[in-house]
């Protein structure tokens, strides 16, 4: 129980504290975007890929997608379909 144990103890607790800080910062950011604690927590615990993609897309990216789809009706839904294909491919490769 020498110096290595002491360093690993401090490292473990530092990483635990850092992960809690990151989680709290994420919750605060989600609260700022969603406006309620319930919606902010719901985003963290969703398993539906469609809901996860729509909830995690930044407002500027959503605005860009809407602008692209308004300009060319042929591309309506294309961005989302490509996202879903990429997600399915990732699941097949066991990276998700």
N, C-alpha and C. Protein backbone atom coordinates (compact mmCIF):
# COMPACT_ATOMS: atom_id res chain seq x y z
N UNK A 1 0.83 -1.19 0.00
CA UNK A 1 0.00 0.00 0.00
C UNK A 1 0.87 1.25 0.00
N UNK A 2 1.77 1.32 -0.93
CA UNK A 2 2.71 2.43 -0.95
C UNK A 2 2.25 3.57 -1.82
N UNK A 3 3.22 4.17 -2.47
CA UNK A 3 3.00 5.38 -3.27
C UNK A 3 2.07 5.12 -4.46
N UNK A 4 2.18 3.97 -5.11
CA UNK A 4 1.32 3.65 -6.27
C UNK A 4 -0.14 3.61 -5.84
N UNK A 5 -0.43 3.01 -4.71
CA UNK A 5 -1.82 2.94 -4.24
C UNK A 5 -2.34 4.35 -3.99
N UNK A 6 -1.54 5.18 -3.37
CA UNK A 6 -1.96 6.54 -3.07
C UNK A 6 -2.24 7.33 -4.35
N UNK A 7 -1.38 7.19 -5.36
CA UNK A 7 -1.59 7.89 -6.62
C UNK A 7 -2.83 7.37 -7.34
N UNK A 8 -3.04 6.06 -7.32
CA UNK A 8 -4.22 5.52 -7.99
C UNK A 8 -5.50 5.96 -7.28
N UNK A 9 -5.45 6.09 -5.97
CA UNK A 9 -6.61 6.56 -5.22
C UNK A 9 -6.96 7.98 -5.65
N UNK A 10 -5.96 8.85 -5.74
CA UNK A 10 -6.20 10.22 -6.16
C UNK A 10 -6.66 10.30 -7.61
N UNK A 11 -6.08 9.48 -8.47
CA UNK A 11 -6.48 9.46 -9.87
C UNK A 11 -7.94 9.02 -10.01
N UNK A 12 -8.32 7.97 -9.29
CA UNK A 12 -9.70 7.48 -9.33
C UNK A 12 -10.67 8.58 -8.90
N UNK A 13 -10.39 9.24 -7.82
CA UNK A 13 -11.30 10.27 -7.32
C UNK A 13 -11.31 11.51 -8.21
N UNK A 14 -10.18 11.83 -8.80
CA UNK A 14 -10.15 12.94 -9.74
C UNK A 14 -11.02 12.64 -10.97
N UNK A 15 -10.89 11.42 -11.52
CA UNK A 15 -11.70 11.04 -12.68
C UNK A 15 -13.18 10.97 -12.32
N UNK A 16 -13.50 10.51 -11.13
CA UNK A 16 -14.89 10.47 -10.68
C UNK A 16 -15.46 11.89 -10.58
N UNK A 17 -14.70 12.79 -10.02
CA UNK A 17 -15.14 14.18 -9.91
C UNK A 17 -15.28 14.82 -11.29
N UNK A 18 -14.32 14.56 -12.18
CA UNK A 18 -14.38 15.11 -13.53
C UNK A 18 -15.61 14.61 -14.27
N UNK A 19 -15.93 13.33 -14.12
CA UNK A 19 -17.11 12.81 -14.80
C UNK A 19 -18.40 13.43 -14.26
N UNK A 20 -18.46 13.67 -12.97
CA UNK A 20 -19.64 14.32 -12.39
C UNK A 20 -19.76 15.75 -12.89
N UNK A 21 -18.65 16.45 -12.99
CA UNK A 21 -18.68 17.82 -13.49
C UNK A 21 -19.16 17.85 -14.94
N UNK A 22 -18.66 16.93 -15.76
CA UNK A 22 -19.08 16.86 -17.16
C UNK A 22 -20.57 16.57 -17.25
N UNK A 23 -21.07 15.66 -16.41
CA UNK A 23 -22.49 15.33 -16.42
C UNK A 23 -23.34 16.54 -16.02
N UNK A 24 -22.92 17.25 -15.00
CA UNK A 24 -23.68 18.42 -14.55
C UNK A 24 -23.65 19.52 -15.60
N UNK A 25 -22.51 19.73 -16.25
CA UNK A 25 -22.43 20.73 -17.32
C UNK A 25 -23.36 20.34 -18.47
N UNK A 26 -23.39 19.05 -18.81
CA UNK A 26 -24.30 18.58 -19.86
C UNK A 26 -25.75 18.81 -19.50
N UNK A 27 -26.11 18.54 -18.26
CA UNK A 27 -27.48 18.78 -17.81
C UNK A 27 -27.84 20.26 -17.86
N UNK A 28 -26.91 21.10 -17.46
CA UNK A 28 -27.16 22.55 -17.49
C UNK A 28 -27.34 23.02 -18.93
N UNK A 29 -26.51 22.51 -19.85
CA UNK A 29 -26.66 22.89 -21.26
C UNK A 29 -27.99 22.40 -21.83
N UNK A 30 -28.37 21.17 -21.50
CA UNK A 30 -29.66 20.66 -21.97
C UNK A 30 -30.81 21.46 -21.37
N UNK A 31 -30.68 21.85 -20.13
CA UNK A 31 -31.72 22.67 -19.50
C UNK A 31 -31.84 24.01 -20.20
N UNK A 32 -30.70 24.59 -20.58
CA UNK A 32 -30.72 25.87 -21.28
C UNK A 32 -31.41 25.75 -22.63
N UNK A 33 -31.24 24.62 -23.30
CA UNK A 33 -31.85 24.42 -24.61
C UNK A 33 -33.31 24.03 -24.48
N UNK A 34 -33.62 23.11 -23.57
CA UNK A 34 -34.96 22.54 -23.46
C UNK A 34 -35.90 23.37 -22.60
N UNK A 35 -35.37 24.03 -21.56
CA UNK A 35 -36.20 24.90 -20.73
C UNK A 35 -36.77 24.26 -19.48
N UNK A 36 -36.80 22.92 -19.40
CA UNK A 36 -37.29 22.26 -18.19
C UNK A 36 -36.34 21.14 -17.80
N UNK A 37 -36.36 20.82 -16.51
CA UNK A 37 -35.52 19.72 -16.02
C UNK A 37 -35.99 18.39 -16.59
N UNK A 38 -37.30 18.22 -16.71
CA UNK A 38 -37.84 16.96 -17.21
C UNK A 38 -37.36 16.68 -18.64
N UNK A 39 -37.42 17.67 -19.50
CA UNK A 39 -36.97 17.48 -20.88
C UNK A 39 -35.47 17.26 -20.95
N UNK A 40 -34.71 17.95 -20.10
CA UNK A 40 -33.26 17.78 -20.09
C UNK A 40 -32.88 16.36 -19.67
N UNK A 41 -33.57 15.81 -18.67
CA UNK A 41 -33.28 14.44 -18.24
C UNK A 41 -33.78 13.42 -19.25
N UNK A 42 -34.89 13.69 -19.89
CA UNK A 42 -35.42 12.75 -20.89
C UNK A 42 -34.44 12.56 -22.04
N UNK A 43 -33.75 13.63 -22.42
CA UNK A 43 -32.77 13.54 -23.50
C UNK A 43 -31.65 12.58 -23.14
N UNK A 44 -31.26 12.55 -21.88
CA UNK A 44 -30.17 11.68 -21.46
C UNK A 44 -30.53 10.20 -21.49
N UNK A 45 -31.80 9.88 -21.29
CA UNK A 45 -32.20 8.48 -21.14
C UNK A 45 -33.00 7.93 -22.31
N UNK A 46 -32.89 8.54 -23.47
CA UNK A 46 -33.63 8.05 -24.63
C UNK A 46 -32.85 6.94 -25.33
N UNK A 47 -33.56 5.92 -25.79
CA UNK A 47 -32.95 4.82 -26.53
C UNK A 47 -33.36 4.81 -27.99
N UNK A 48 -34.35 5.59 -28.34
CA UNK A 48 -34.85 5.63 -29.71
C UNK A 48 -33.88 6.43 -30.58
N UNK A 49 -33.33 5.82 -31.65
CA UNK A 49 -32.36 6.53 -32.49
C UNK A 49 -32.94 7.79 -33.12
N UNK A 50 -34.20 7.72 -33.57
CA UNK A 50 -34.83 8.90 -34.18
C UNK A 50 -34.88 10.05 -33.18
N UNK A 51 -35.33 9.75 -31.97
CA UNK A 51 -35.43 10.78 -30.94
C UNK A 51 -34.05 11.30 -30.54
N UNK A 52 -33.07 10.40 -30.44
CA UNK A 52 -31.72 10.82 -30.06
C UNK A 52 -31.13 11.76 -31.11
N UNK A 53 -31.34 11.44 -32.39
CA UNK A 53 -30.80 12.29 -33.46
C UNK A 53 -31.48 13.65 -33.46
N UNK A 54 -32.80 13.65 -33.36
CA UNK A 54 -33.51 14.94 -33.40
C UNK A 54 -33.22 15.78 -32.15
N UNK A 55 -32.99 15.14 -31.02
CA UNK A 55 -32.69 15.90 -29.79
C UNK A 55 -31.26 16.42 -29.75
N UNK A 56 -30.34 15.73 -30.40
CA UNK A 56 -28.94 16.12 -30.29
C UNK A 56 -28.47 17.03 -31.42
N UNK A 57 -29.32 17.27 -32.40
CA UNK A 57 -28.93 18.14 -33.51
C UNK A 57 -28.97 19.59 -33.06
N UNK A 58 -27.89 20.28 -33.32
CA UNK A 58 -27.79 21.70 -32.93
C UNK A 58 -28.80 22.54 -33.71
N UNK A 59 -29.29 23.60 -33.11
CA UNK A 59 -30.26 24.47 -33.81
C UNK A 59 -29.73 25.01 -35.14
N UNK A 60 -28.45 25.32 -35.20
CA UNK A 60 -27.90 25.84 -36.46
C UNK A 60 -27.91 24.76 -37.55
N UNK A 61 -27.65 23.50 -37.16
CA UNK A 61 -27.69 22.40 -38.13
C UNK A 61 -29.13 22.16 -38.57
N UNK A 62 -30.08 22.24 -37.62
CA UNK A 62 -31.49 22.09 -37.98
C UNK A 62 -31.91 23.17 -38.97
N UNK A 63 -31.47 24.40 -38.74
CA UNK A 63 -31.80 25.50 -39.65
C UNK A 63 -31.21 25.26 -41.04
N UNK A 64 -29.99 24.74 -41.09
CA UNK A 64 -29.36 24.43 -42.37
C UNK A 64 -30.13 23.33 -43.11
N UNK A 65 -30.54 22.29 -42.38
CA UNK A 65 -31.32 21.20 -43.00
C UNK A 65 -32.63 21.73 -43.54
N UNK A 66 -33.31 22.56 -42.78
CA UNK A 66 -34.60 23.12 -43.22
C UNK A 66 -34.39 23.98 -44.46
N UNK A 67 -33.32 24.79 -44.48
CA UNK A 67 -33.05 25.63 -45.64
C UNK A 67 -32.77 24.80 -46.88
N UNK A 68 -32.00 23.72 -46.73
CA UNK A 68 -31.70 22.84 -47.87
C UNK A 68 -32.98 22.18 -48.39
N UNK A 69 -33.80 21.70 -47.46
CA UNK A 69 -35.01 21.00 -47.87
C UNK A 69 -36.06 21.95 -48.47
N UNK A 70 -36.07 23.21 -48.07
CA UNK A 70 -37.00 24.18 -48.66
C UNK A 70 -36.57 24.55 -50.08
N UNK A 71 -35.27 24.62 -50.27
CA UNK A 71 -34.76 25.03 -51.59
C UNK A 71 -35.01 23.95 -52.63
N UNK A 72 -34.83 22.70 -52.27
CA UNK A 72 -34.97 21.60 -53.23
C UNK A 72 -35.86 20.53 -52.62
N UNK A 73 -37.08 20.42 -53.09
CA UNK A 73 -38.02 19.45 -52.53
C UNK A 73 -37.58 18.02 -52.76
N UNK A 74 -36.71 17.79 -53.71
CA UNK A 74 -36.20 16.45 -53.99
C UNK A 74 -35.38 15.92 -52.81
N UNK A 75 -34.76 16.81 -52.05
CA UNK A 75 -33.89 16.39 -50.95
C UNK A 75 -34.62 16.29 -49.61
N UNK A 76 -35.93 16.47 -49.59
CA UNK A 76 -36.67 16.42 -48.32
C UNK A 76 -36.46 15.06 -47.67
N UNK A 77 -35.97 15.07 -46.47
CA UNK A 77 -35.74 13.84 -45.71
C UNK A 77 -34.42 13.16 -46.00
N UNK A 78 -33.69 13.64 -47.00
CA UNK A 78 -32.44 12.98 -47.38
C UNK A 78 -31.42 12.99 -46.25
N UNK A 79 -31.25 14.14 -45.61
CA UNK A 79 -30.28 14.25 -44.53
C UNK A 79 -30.59 13.28 -43.40
N UNK A 80 -31.86 13.19 -43.04
CA UNK A 80 -32.24 12.27 -41.97
C UNK A 80 -32.04 10.82 -42.41
N UNK A 81 -32.40 10.49 -43.64
CA UNK A 81 -32.22 9.11 -44.13
C UNK A 81 -30.75 8.71 -44.13
N UNK A 82 -29.88 9.61 -44.55
CA UNK A 82 -28.45 9.32 -44.55
C UNK A 82 -27.96 9.12 -43.12
N UNK A 83 -28.45 9.93 -42.20
CA UNK A 83 -28.09 9.78 -40.80
C UNK A 83 -28.53 8.42 -40.26
N UNK A 84 -29.75 8.02 -40.61
CA UNK A 84 -30.26 6.71 -40.15
C UNK A 84 -29.47 5.56 -40.77
N UNK A 85 -29.10 5.67 -42.05
CA UNK A 85 -28.28 4.63 -42.68
C UNK A 85 -26.92 4.52 -41.98
N UNK A 86 -26.33 5.65 -41.67
CA UNK A 86 -25.03 5.65 -40.97
C UNK A 86 -25.17 5.02 -39.59
N UNK A 87 -26.26 5.32 -38.91
CA UNK A 87 -26.49 4.74 -37.59
C UNK A 87 -26.68 3.22 -37.69
N UNK A 88 -27.46 2.76 -38.66
CA UNK A 88 -27.67 1.32 -38.85
C UNK A 88 -26.36 0.63 -39.21
N UNK A 89 -25.56 1.25 -40.08
CA UNK A 89 -24.28 0.68 -40.44
C UNK A 89 -23.37 0.57 -39.23
N UNK A 90 -23.38 1.59 -38.40
CA UNK A 90 -22.58 1.57 -37.18
C UNK A 90 -23.05 0.47 -36.24
N UNK A 91 -24.37 0.29 -36.13
CA UNK A 91 -24.89 -0.78 -35.28
C UNK A 91 -24.47 -2.15 -35.80
N UNK A 92 -24.49 -2.32 -37.12
CA UNK A 92 -24.07 -3.58 -37.71
C UNK A 92 -22.59 -3.86 -37.47
N UNK A 93 -21.81 -2.81 -37.42
CA UNK A 93 -20.38 -2.96 -37.16
C UNK A 93 -20.08 -3.01 -35.66
N UNK A 94 -21.13 -2.93 -34.85
CA UNK A 94 -21.02 -3.02 -33.38
C UNK A 94 -20.20 -1.88 -32.78
N UNK A 95 -20.37 -0.68 -33.34
CA UNK A 95 -19.69 0.48 -32.79
C UNK A 95 -20.62 1.37 -31.98
N UNK A 96 -21.87 1.02 -31.88
CA UNK A 96 -22.81 1.84 -31.11
C UNK A 96 -23.23 1.07 -29.89
